[in-house]
Protein backbone atom coordinates (compact mmCIF):
# COMPACT_ATOMS: atom_id res chain seq x y z
CA MET A 1 -3.07 -8.60 -9.65
CA LYS A 2 -5.04 -9.83 -12.64
CA LYS A 3 -8.23 -8.11 -13.72
CA ARG A 4 -10.38 -11.15 -14.38
CA MET A 5 -12.92 -10.74 -11.71
CA THR A 6 -15.82 -12.73 -10.24
CA THR A 7 -18.42 -12.49 -7.53
CA ALA A 8 -18.27 -15.44 -5.21
CA ILE A 9 -18.93 -16.80 -1.77
CA LEU A 10 -15.89 -17.30 0.41
CA SER A 11 -14.83 -20.88 1.11
CA LEU A 12 -14.65 -22.29 4.61
CA ALA A 13 -11.02 -23.42 4.50
CA LEU A 14 -8.89 -22.39 7.44
CA LEU A 15 -6.28 -19.63 7.36
CA ALA A 16 -5.48 -19.36 11.03
CA ALA A 17 -5.59 -22.21 13.49
CA GLY A 18 -7.66 -21.76 16.58
CA CYS A 19 -9.56 -18.72 17.78
CA SER A 20 -7.83 -16.36 20.16
CA SER A 21 -9.14 -13.06 21.42
CA SER A 22 -9.32 -10.15 18.99
CA ALA A 23 -7.61 -6.81 19.18
CA GLY A 24 -9.16 -4.74 21.91
CA THR A 25 -10.71 -5.81 25.17
CA GLY A 26 -14.06 -7.20 23.95
CA THR A 27 -14.92 -10.66 22.65
CA SER A 28 -14.97 -11.58 18.98
CA THR A 29 -17.18 -14.65 18.95
CA GLY A 30 -20.08 -13.08 17.06
CA GLU A 31 -21.71 -11.98 20.31
CA ALA A 32 -21.94 -8.38 21.42
CA PRO A 33 -18.89 -7.44 23.49
CA LYS A 34 -19.46 -6.06 26.91
CA THR A 35 -18.98 -2.34 27.22
CA GLY A 36 -16.13 -1.11 29.37
CA GLY A 37 -16.58 -0.78 33.12
CA GLY A 38 -15.37 2.41 34.72
CA GLY A 39 -17.08 4.59 37.30
CA SER A 40 -20.76 5.45 37.24
CA GLU A 41 -19.93 9.00 36.26
CA LYS A 42 -18.63 7.72 32.90
CA LYS A 43 -21.46 5.35 32.06
CA ALA A 44 -23.59 8.06 30.50
CA GLU A 45 -20.84 8.71 27.97
CA GLN A 46 -20.62 5.08 26.83
CA PRO A 47 -22.04 4.40 23.34
CA ALA A 48 -24.89 1.94 22.95
CA ALA A 49 -23.85 -1.70 23.17
CA ALA A 50 -22.96 -3.27 19.85
CA LYS A 51 -25.74 -5.36 18.31
CA VAL A 52 -23.93 -8.29 16.79
CA SER A 53 -26.15 -10.92 15.23
CA SER A 54 -25.98 -14.60 16.12
CA GLU A 55 -28.27 -15.38 13.18
CA PRO A 56 -27.09 -15.88 9.58
CA VAL A 57 -25.96 -12.56 8.09
CA GLU A 58 -24.70 -11.81 4.59
CA LEU A 59 -21.94 -9.22 4.38
CA VAL A 60 -20.95 -7.83 0.99
CA VAL A 61 -17.26 -6.98 0.69
CA PHE A 62 -15.99 -4.95 -2.26
CA SER A 63 -12.55 -3.87 -3.42
CA SER A 64 -11.33 -2.00 -6.50
CA SER A 65 -7.89 -3.55 -5.98
CA GLY A 66 -8.44 -6.46 -8.34
CA ASP A 67 -7.63 -8.86 -5.50
CA SER A 68 -8.70 -12.33 -6.64
CA LEU A 69 -11.09 -14.47 -4.62
CA GLU A 70 -8.24 -16.90 -3.97
CA SER A 71 -5.98 -14.14 -2.69
CA PHE A 72 -8.76 -12.62 -0.59
CA ASN A 73 -9.53 -15.99 0.96
CA GLU A 74 -5.89 -16.73 1.72
CA ARG A 75 -5.36 -13.43 3.49
CA PHE A 76 -8.76 -12.71 5.04
CA GLY A 77 -11.72 -14.82 3.93
CA ASN A 78 -10.77 -18.17 5.42
CA ALA A 79 -10.06 -16.61 8.81
CA ILE A 80 -13.40 -14.75 8.76
CA ALA A 81 -15.31 -17.91 7.79
CA LYS A 82 -13.73 -19.88 10.62
CA LYS A 83 -14.28 -17.20 13.23
CA PHE A 84 -17.83 -16.26 12.19
CA PRO A 85 -19.60 -19.33 10.76
CA ASN A 86 -22.93 -17.47 10.71
CA TYR A 87 -21.54 -14.81 8.35
CA LYS A 88 -21.96 -15.39 4.64
CA ILE A 89 -19.31 -13.26 2.93
CA ASN A 90 -20.06 -12.18 -0.63
CA TYR A 91 -16.80 -10.84 -2.05
CA ILE A 92 -17.17 -8.71 -5.19
CA ARG A 93 -14.19 -7.82 -7.33
CA ASN A 94 -14.05 -4.77 -9.52
CA GLU A 95 -14.75 -5.79 -13.13
CA LYS A 96 -16.76 -4.67 -16.14
CA GLY A 97 -20.37 -4.36 -15.08
CA LYS A 98 -19.38 -4.51 -11.43
CA THR A 99 -17.36 -1.37 -10.93
CA LEU A 100 -18.08 0.65 -7.82
CA PRO A 101 -20.23 3.30 -9.58
CA GLU A 102 -22.14 0.60 -11.46
CA LEU A 103 -22.86 -1.37 -8.30
CA LEU A 104 -24.01 1.70 -6.39
CA ALA A 105 -26.20 2.84 -9.28
CA ALA A 106 -27.84 -0.59 -9.30
CA GLY A 107 -28.61 -0.29 -5.59
CA GLN A 108 -26.06 -2.85 -4.42
CA VAL A 109 -25.42 -2.41 -0.71
CA ILE A 110 -21.77 -2.78 0.26
CA ASP A 111 -21.03 -3.53 3.91
CA ILE A 112 -17.22 -3.52 3.89
CA TYR A 113 -15.06 -1.64 1.42
CA PHE A 114 -11.29 -2.14 1.31
CA ASP A 115 -8.48 -0.73 -0.79
CA SER A 116 -4.96 0.67 -0.62
CA ILE A 117 -4.67 4.33 0.29
CA ARG A 118 -4.20 5.44 -3.33
CA VAL A 119 -7.30 3.61 -4.58
CA PHE A 120 -9.26 4.48 -1.43
CA ILE A 121 -8.95 8.15 -2.35
CA GLY A 122 -10.79 7.46 -5.60
CA SER A 123 -13.84 6.20 -3.70
CA LEU A 124 -14.40 9.46 -1.83
CA GLN A 125 -16.64 10.83 -4.58
CA TYR A 126 -19.27 8.16 -3.88
CA ASP A 127 -20.17 9.33 -0.37
CA MET A 128 -19.81 5.90 1.25
CA GLN A 129 -17.71 7.09 4.16
CA LEU A 130 -18.78 6.49 7.73
CA ASP A 131 -16.99 7.87 10.77
CA MET A 132 -16.23 4.60 12.54
CA ASP A 133 -15.21 6.14 15.86
CA ASP A 134 -18.53 5.30 17.55
CA LEU A 135 -18.28 1.70 16.32
CA VAL A 136 -14.73 1.51 17.65
CA LYS A 137 -15.98 2.58 21.07
CA SER A 138 -19.03 0.32 21.21
CA HIS A 139 -16.98 -2.70 20.11
CA ASN A 140 -14.10 -1.92 22.46
CA VAL A 141 -11.60 -1.93 19.60
CA ASP A 142 -8.08 -1.03 20.67
CA LEU A 143 -6.43 1.10 17.99
CA SER A 144 -3.33 1.86 20.04
CA ASN A 145 -1.41 -1.10 18.64
CA LEU A 146 -1.82 -0.04 15.02
CA GLU A 147 1.07 1.53 13.10
CA PRO A 148 0.52 5.21 14.01
CA THR A 149 1.60 6.67 10.68
CA ALA A 150 -1.03 4.59 8.84
CA LEU A 151 -3.76 5.55 11.29
CA ASP A 152 -2.75 9.22 11.27
CA GLY A 153 -2.82 9.17 7.48
CA MET A 154 -6.51 8.29 7.54
CA ARG A 155 -7.21 10.96 10.14
CA LYS A 156 -5.53 13.53 7.89
CA LEU A 157 -7.53 12.45 4.87
CA SER A 158 -10.87 12.49 6.69
CA GLY A 159 -10.39 15.70 8.66
CA GLY A 160 -9.95 13.88 11.97
CA LYS A 161 -12.59 11.21 11.40
CA LEU A 162 -12.04 7.49 10.98
CA TRP A 163 -13.24 6.44 7.53
CA GLY A 164 -11.15 3.30 7.52
CA ILE A 165 -8.89 1.14 9.67
CA PRO A 166 -5.53 -0.15 8.36
CA VAL A 167 -5.53 -3.95 8.14
CA THR A 168 -2.44 -4.41 5.97
CA ASN A 169 0.61 -2.29 5.31
CA SER A 170 3.40 -2.00 2.77
CA ASN A 171 6.49 0.04 2.02
CA MET A 172 9.41 -0.26 -0.39
CA ALA A 173 12.69 -2.12 -0.56
CA LEU A 174 15.65 -2.29 -2.92
CA TYR A 175 15.71 -5.61 -4.78
CA TYR A 176 18.90 -6.64 -6.52
CA ASN A 177 20.10 -9.32 -8.91
CA LYS A 178 23.13 -11.08 -7.43
CA ASP A 179 24.20 -12.52 -10.78
CA ILE A 180 24.56 -9.09 -12.37
CA PHE A 181 26.59 -7.79 -9.45
CA ASN A 182 28.82 -10.85 -9.52
CA LYS A 183 29.21 -10.66 -13.30
CA PHE A 184 30.73 -7.20 -13.04
CA GLY A 185 32.53 -7.69 -9.72
CA VAL A 186 30.51 -5.00 -7.95
CA PRO A 187 29.97 -5.26 -4.14
CA LEU A 188 26.43 -6.28 -3.18
CA PRO A 189 24.10 -3.67 -1.67
CA LYS A 190 23.56 -3.61 2.08
CA ASP A 191 20.96 -2.25 4.49
CA GLY A 192 21.24 1.42 5.36
CA MET A 193 22.65 2.72 2.09
CA THR A 194 22.02 6.29 0.90
CA TRP A 195 20.78 7.22 -2.56
CA ASP A 196 24.27 8.53 -3.38
CA GLU A 197 25.81 5.16 -2.57
CA VAL A 198 23.22 3.29 -4.61
CA LEU A 199 23.69 5.65 -7.57
CA ASP A 200 27.39 4.89 -7.46
CA LEU A 201 26.62 1.17 -7.72
CA SER A 202 24.17 1.91 -10.53
CA LYS A 203 26.85 3.57 -12.64
CA LYS A 204 29.06 0.49 -12.35
CA LEU A 205 26.24 -1.79 -13.51
CA THR A 206 24.97 0.23 -16.47
CA ARG A 207 26.98 -1.17 -19.37
CA PHE A 208 26.64 -3.08 -22.65
CA GLU A 209 28.20 -6.52 -22.59
CA ASP A 210 27.72 -9.85 -24.37
CA GLY A 211 25.22 -8.24 -26.73
CA LYS A 212 22.99 -7.13 -23.87
CA GLN A 213 22.32 -3.74 -22.31
CA PHE A 214 22.49 -3.91 -18.52
CA LEU A 215 20.91 -1.19 -16.39
CA GLY A 216 21.84 -0.20 -12.86
CA LEU A 217 18.70 1.08 -11.18
CA GLY A 218 14.99 1.42 -11.76
CA VAL A 219 12.56 3.07 -9.33
CA ALA A 220 8.81 2.43 -9.23
CA THR A 221 6.80 5.44 -10.39
CA THR A 222 3.13 5.04 -9.39
CA GLN A 223 3.88 3.87 -5.88
CA MET A 224 6.71 6.32 -5.21
CA LEU A 225 4.42 9.21 -6.07
CA SER A 226 2.24 8.24 -3.12
CA MET A 227 5.13 7.29 -0.83
CA THR A 228 7.75 10.03 -1.15
CA GLN A 229 10.29 10.01 1.65
CA GLN A 230 9.92 13.77 2.05
CA SER A 231 6.16 13.30 2.71
CA LEU A 232 5.31 15.58 -0.20
CA PRO A 233 1.61 16.27 -0.77
CA ILE A 234 0.23 16.38 -4.31
CA VAL A 235 -1.92 19.39 -3.50
CA ASP A 236 -0.37 22.04 -1.28
CA PRO A 237 -2.58 22.32 1.85
CA LYS A 238 -1.97 26.06 2.16
CA SER A 239 -2.35 27.29 -1.43
CA GLY A 240 -4.74 24.60 -2.69
CA LYS A 241 -2.56 24.39 -5.80
CA SER A 242 -0.04 21.88 -7.13
CA SER A 243 2.93 21.46 -4.81
CA LEU A 244 5.48 21.03 -7.63
CA SER A 245 7.08 24.41 -6.92
CA ASP A 246 8.51 22.84 -3.73
CA ASP A 247 12.23 22.25 -4.38
CA ARG A 248 12.01 18.88 -2.68
CA TRP A 249 10.18 17.55 -5.74
CA LYS A 250 13.13 18.60 -7.88
CA LYS A 251 15.48 16.72 -5.58
CA MET A 252 13.30 13.61 -5.74
CA TYR A 253 12.96 13.60 -9.55
CA SER A 254 16.65 14.27 -10.02
CA THR A 255 17.90 11.62 -7.57
CA LEU A 256 15.49 8.80 -8.38
CA TYR A 257 14.97 9.24 -12.13
CA GLU A 258 17.46 11.62 -13.76
CA GLU A 259 20.71 10.43 -12.19
CA PRO A 260 20.25 6.66 -12.77
CA ALA A 261 19.68 7.33 -16.49
CA LYS A 262 22.84 9.39 -17.15
CA PRO A 263 25.32 6.54 -17.78
CA GLN A 264 25.72 5.63 -21.44
CA GLY A 265 23.23 3.12 -22.80
CA TYR A 266 20.42 3.71 -20.27
CA ARG A 267 18.50 6.31 -22.26
CA GLU A 268 19.03 4.40 -25.48
CA TYR A 269 17.42 1.39 -23.83
CA MET A 270 14.48 3.51 -22.64
CA LYS A 271 13.65 4.28 -26.27
CA THR A 272 13.10 0.57 -26.86
CA ILE A 273 10.44 0.47 -24.12
CA LYS A 274 8.52 3.56 -25.26
CA GLY A 275 10.37 5.92 -22.93
CA ASN A 276 9.26 4.11 -19.78
CA ILE A 277 11.32 3.69 -16.62
CA PRO A 278 12.86 0.18 -16.39
CA ASN A 279 10.76 -1.82 -13.95
CA VAL A 280 9.68 -5.35 -13.02
CA ASP A 281 9.83 -6.64 -16.61
CA GLU A 282 13.54 -5.81 -16.74
CA PHE A 283 14.10 -7.28 -13.30
CA HIS A 284 12.37 -10.66 -13.37
CA ASN A 285 11.78 -11.31 -17.08
CA LYS A 286 14.67 -9.82 -19.06
CA GLN A 287 16.97 -9.88 -16.04
CA ASN A 288 19.04 -6.95 -17.26
CA LEU A 289 18.23 -4.64 -14.33
CA GLY A 290 20.64 -4.78 -11.42
CA MET A 291 18.51 -3.00 -8.81
CA LEU A 292 14.83 -2.20 -8.48
CA VAL A 293 13.15 -0.07 -5.82
CA TYR A 294 9.68 -1.53 -5.53
CA LEU A 295 6.92 -2.45 -3.11
CA SER A 296 7.76 -4.72 -0.18
CA SER A 297 5.01 -7.07 -1.40
CA TYR A 298 6.87 -7.77 -4.67
CA PHE A 299 8.39 -11.04 -3.47
CA GLN A 300 4.96 -12.25 -2.38
CA VAL A 301 2.78 -11.08 -5.28
CA ASN A 302 5.35 -12.05 -7.94
CA ALA A 303 6.74 -15.12 -6.18
CA LYS A 304 6.54 -17.30 -9.32
CA GLU A 305 8.25 -14.75 -11.55
CA LEU A 306 11.12 -14.30 -9.09
CA LYS A 307 11.91 -18.02 -8.93
CA GLY A 308 14.22 -17.72 -11.90
CA VAL A 309 16.11 -14.74 -10.46
CA ASN A 310 19.05 -14.94 -8.07
CA TRP A 311 17.77 -12.02 -6.01
CA ASP A 312 17.81 -10.56 -2.55
CA MET A 313 16.75 -7.29 -0.96
CA VAL A 314 17.96 -4.49 1.31
CA SER A 315 16.34 -1.43 2.82
CA VAL A 316 15.18 1.36 0.52
CA PRO A 317 17.95 3.98 0.09
CA THR A 318 17.66 7.14 2.18
CA PHE A 319 18.54 10.76 1.56
CA LYS A 320 21.76 11.85 3.24
CA ASP A 321 20.01 14.67 5.09
CA MET A 322 17.19 12.32 6.23
CA PRO A 323 19.04 9.38 7.81
CA GLY A 324 16.91 6.39 8.72
CA VAL A 325 13.75 7.72 7.06
CA GLY A 326 12.21 5.32 4.57
CA VAL A 327 9.12 5.82 2.46
CA GLN A 328 5.61 6.52 3.65
CA PRO A 329 3.47 3.50 4.56
CA TYR A 330 1.08 2.20 1.91
CA PRO A 331 -1.74 0.78 4.04
CA GLY A 332 -4.79 -1.17 2.98
CA TYR A 333 -7.85 0.23 4.76
CA PHE A 334 -11.06 -1.65 5.62
CA SER A 335 -14.20 0.44 6.10
CA VAL A 336 -17.73 -0.07 7.31
CA THR A 337 -19.83 1.85 4.80
CA LYS A 338 -22.54 4.36 5.51
CA GLN A 339 -25.08 2.27 3.58
CA SER A 340 -24.52 -1.00 5.47
CA LYS A 341 -27.46 -2.42 7.42
CA HIS A 342 -25.09 -4.66 9.38
CA LYS A 343 -22.60 -2.14 10.68
CA ASP A 344 -21.97 -3.95 13.97
CA ASP A 345 -21.33 -7.28 12.25
CA ALA A 346 -19.02 -5.60 9.74
CA MET A 347 -17.14 -3.92 12.59
CA GLU A 348 -16.65 -7.26 14.33
CA VAL A 349 -15.04 -8.61 11.17
CA ILE A 350 -12.62 -5.69 10.93
CA LYS A 351 -11.90 -5.92 14.65
CA TYR A 352 -10.91 -9.54 14.18
CA LEU A 353 -8.75 -8.76 11.15
CA ILE A 354 -6.55 -6.46 13.25
CA SER A 355 -6.22 -9.01 16.03
CA ASP A 356 -2.82 -10.45 16.90
CA GLU A 357 -4.02 -13.82 15.65
CA VAL A 358 -4.79 -12.73 12.10
CA GLN A 359 -2.00 -10.18 11.88
CA MET A 360 0.58 -12.73 12.98
CA GLN A 361 -0.51 -15.11 10.25
CA LEU A 362 -0.44 -12.35 7.63
CA SER A 363 3.06 -11.38 8.73
CA LYS A 364 4.36 -14.95 8.63
CA THR A 365 3.21 -15.40 5.04
CA GLY A 366 4.79 -12.12 3.88
CA THR A 367 2.10 -9.45 4.16
CA MET A 368 3.28 -6.50 6.22
CA SER A 369 1.16 -6.14 9.32
CA ALA A 370 -0.86 -3.07 10.26
CA LEU A 371 0.36 -3.56 13.83
CA LYS A 372 3.48 -2.09 15.41
CA THR A 373 3.97 -5.16 17.62
CA ASP A 374 7.59 -6.31 17.63
CA ALA A 375 6.69 -10.00 17.77
CA VAL A 376 4.49 -9.66 14.68
CA LYS A 377 7.20 -7.78 12.80
CA LYS A 378 9.82 -10.33 13.79
CA ALA A 379 7.69 -13.11 12.28
CA PHE A 380 7.59 -11.40 8.88
CA GLY A 381 8.06 -13.92 6.08
CA GLU A 382 8.73 -16.94 8.33
CA GLN A 383 6.46 -19.10 6.19
CA SER A 384 7.42 -17.55 2.87
CA GLU A 385 9.30 -19.64 0.32
CA TYR A 386 11.84 -16.82 0.40
CA LYS A 387 12.34 -16.89 4.15
CA ASP A 388 16.09 -17.32 3.65
CA HIS A 389 16.25 -13.87 2.02
CA ASN A 390 16.78 -10.56 3.83
CA LEU A 391 13.06 -9.92 4.19
CA LYS A 392 13.50 -8.01 7.45
CA ALA A 393 14.94 -5.18 5.35
CA VAL A 394 11.41 -3.80 5.06
CA TYR A 395 11.58 -2.76 8.73
CA PHE A 396 15.13 -1.37 8.67
CA ASN A 397 14.05 2.28 8.26
CA LYS A 398 11.29 4.09 10.06
CA PHE A 399 8.21 5.14 8.11
CA ALA A 400 8.09 8.66 6.76
CA GLU A 401 5.10 10.68 7.93
CA MET A 402 2.13 10.24 5.60
CA SER A 403 1.50 13.28 3.45
CA GLN A 404 -1.83 15.07 3.30
CA LYS A 405 -3.91 13.21 0.73
CA THR A 406 -6.87 14.73 -1.15
CA LYS A 407 -9.64 13.46 -3.39
CA TYR A 408 -7.90 15.22 -6.30
CA ASP A 409 -4.59 13.35 -6.04
CA ASN A 410 -5.38 10.58 -8.51
CA ALA A 411 -6.62 13.04 -11.12
CA LEU A 412 -3.25 14.82 -11.02
CA GLN A 413 -1.10 11.72 -11.31
CA ASP A 414 -0.38 12.00 -15.03
CA ALA A 415 0.97 15.52 -14.58
CA TYR A 416 3.32 14.30 -11.85
CA PHE A 417 4.41 11.21 -13.82
CA ALA A 418 5.49 13.24 -16.85
CA PRO A 419 8.69 14.70 -15.31
CA MET A 420 9.85 11.24 -14.24
CA LYS A 421 10.07 10.04 -17.83
CA GLN A 422 11.16 13.39 -19.25
CA VAL A 423 14.19 13.84 -17.00
CA ALA A 424 15.14 10.16 -17.26
CA SER A 425 15.03 10.23 -21.06
CA GLY A 426 16.84 13.57 -21.16
CA ASP A 427 14.20 15.01 -23.49
CA VAL A 428 13.45 17.97 -21.20
CA ASP A 429 15.59 19.67 -18.57
CA ILE A 430 14.30 19.27 -15.05
CA ASN A 431 13.31 22.90 -14.45
CA THR A 432 11.26 23.03 -17.64
CA ALA A 433 9.70 19.64 -16.94
CA LEU A 434 8.55 20.70 -13.48
CA ARG A 435 7.25 24.06 -14.66
CA GLN A 436 5.21 22.46 -17.43
CA ALA A 437 3.91 19.77 -15.09
CA GLU A 438 2.84 22.37 -12.55
CA GLU A 439 0.84 24.23 -15.19
CA VAL A 440 -0.88 21.04 -16.33
CA ALA A 441 -1.59 19.98 -12.74
CA ASN A 442 -3.14 23.31 -11.77
CA LYS A 443 -5.32 23.35 -14.87
CA LYS A 444 -6.54 19.83 -14.12
CA LEU A 445 -7.09 20.74 -10.48
CA ASP A 446 -9.30 23.69 -11.46
CA GLU A 447 -11.34 21.40 -13.70
CA GLU A 448 -11.79 18.82 -10.94
CA LYS A 449 -12.91 21.45 -8.43
CA LYS A 450 -15.65 22.60 -10.77
CA LYS A 451 -17.18 19.13 -11.04
């Protein structure tokens, strides 16, 4: 997403037709939902009734994601405006002069904060978090229909509290260029393949022909670090140190980054792109990359760039000893902040965003739903311009359990990225690369803990 950012008021165009009931058992019309019934012996335990305003209310929504106003409106803003005409939504994008620390220092009150799990972790230092469990109870919000791994991931991060509710989700898929496969007479990938099978295809595609270097496989780096199939934490929960001594990291680096680069020509090509791992530029611009493991949202976010590519997708490869286990979910969490003076109104908005109505529309247009509902999953991509592609591949595998995240994870990313490039380029053997990375990570971790 582009980084040109603005502060604006959401438009009133429609995203979802009609107004059905929201997730949970209460109403979502802007009026306070009725608290649950039950016996008299339970009434004393019920939280105070939600105080939802029927008067005009301004809610400030902020995200560090870089999500444009247009994109925000298409996915969320238009639906909110239709459902709650008395809410004035002021969406603020992260940009120079309006970063999260700058806004908070200036006294800007933020009512709803949303970001992907990786970026969400970076906000923990600002003490905005509110345990939303009481709001969930008072608004009769049903969380049981949410994807459990995404919800459990937040519980792990917050020590059992509820600092955010997943509204969107994402995982990874294997995208492939049909023309490259056909050019070299290699069978097309299929759902359910293992990494070993995909590496075999990669070897057959990595070759120099017609004055052009073709590459078999590229695997996303930033996202994979947060979504490892082995559910590897960055910081070991027991030792409080880097987890890189775990042999499963070695297996991951070797399989995803070292092995694809071994065929002749791959490492030579890497030198021309500053030692980086071949990625989206090679796939949709240069079109010399046969396969790319990337986010499931790729076909939606980069829809224009993919128009010139004869592509399709299959499920992300799995490890032979972990059949059917894909990557971890990559949810987008929405949170009512501690500082908000309109917590009930903000909660009503989030409650509506996880309703079947909104989630169905998100799914149809190609955004993975936060719900586990089969009907919502089945509708995935129905209204996408790429609906004739194998989009259902994103649901072929089950989600891996979300690893324990910490507020230090983002600070250690560079140390964990280094071995990816080193073993792919062949500059450093994998054991040395991991040992050096572990030393760097632990040093950085000590520095962060002293802050």
